[in-house]
């Protein structure tokens, strides 16, 4: 996975 995709996913609120 690219760092860009990782950052995009990381910025999302972790709500389960």
N, C-alpha and C. Protein backbone atom coordinates (compact mmCIF):
# COMPACT_ATOMS: atom_id res chain seq x y z
N UNK A 1 0.86 -1.21 0.00
CA UNK A 1 0.00 0.00 0.00
C UNK A 1 0.89 1.25 0.00
N UNK A 2 0.47 2.25 -0.73
CA UNK A 2 1.26 3.48 -0.80
C UNK A 2 1.08 4.31 0.46
N UNK A 3 2.02 5.17 0.73
CA UNK A 3 1.96 6.03 1.92
C UNK A 3 0.76 6.98 1.83
N UNK A 4 0.41 7.35 0.61
CA UNK A 4 -0.72 8.25 0.40
C UNK A 4 -2.02 7.57 0.83
N UNK A 5 -2.20 6.33 0.39
CA UNK A 5 -3.40 5.58 0.74
C UNK A 5 -3.44 5.33 2.24
N UNK A 6 -2.27 5.10 2.83
CA UNK A 6 -2.18 4.86 4.26
C UNK A 6 -2.58 6.11 5.04
N UNK A 7 -2.15 7.26 4.57
CA UNK A 7 -2.48 8.52 5.22
C UNK A 7 -3.97 8.83 5.09
N UNK A 8 -4.53 8.54 3.95
CA UNK A 8 -5.95 8.76 3.71
C UNK A 8 -6.79 7.91 4.66
N UNK A 9 -6.37 6.67 4.85
CA UNK A 9 -7.10 5.76 5.72
C UNK A 9 -6.90 6.15 7.19
N UNK A 10 -5.71 6.65 7.49
CA UNK A 10 -5.37 6.99 8.87
C UNK A 10 -6.12 8.23 9.34
N UNK A 11 -6.42 9.14 8.43
CA UNK A 11 -7.10 10.38 8.79
C UNK A 11 -8.58 10.17 9.07
N UNK A 12 -9.11 9.04 8.61
CA UNK A 12 -10.51 8.75 8.82
C UNK A 12 -10.78 8.41 10.28
N UNK A 13 -11.92 8.87 10.81
CA UNK A 13 -12.29 8.57 12.19
C UNK A 13 -12.55 7.09 12.38
N UNK A 14 -11.96 6.52 13.40
CA UNK A 14 -12.13 5.08 13.63
C UNK A 14 -13.42 4.82 14.40
N UNK A 15 -14.49 4.63 13.67
CA UNK A 15 -15.78 4.34 14.29
C UNK A 15 -16.26 2.98 13.83
N UNK A 16 -16.46 2.10 14.78
CA UNK A 16 -16.89 0.74 14.43
C UNK A 16 -18.38 0.60 14.72
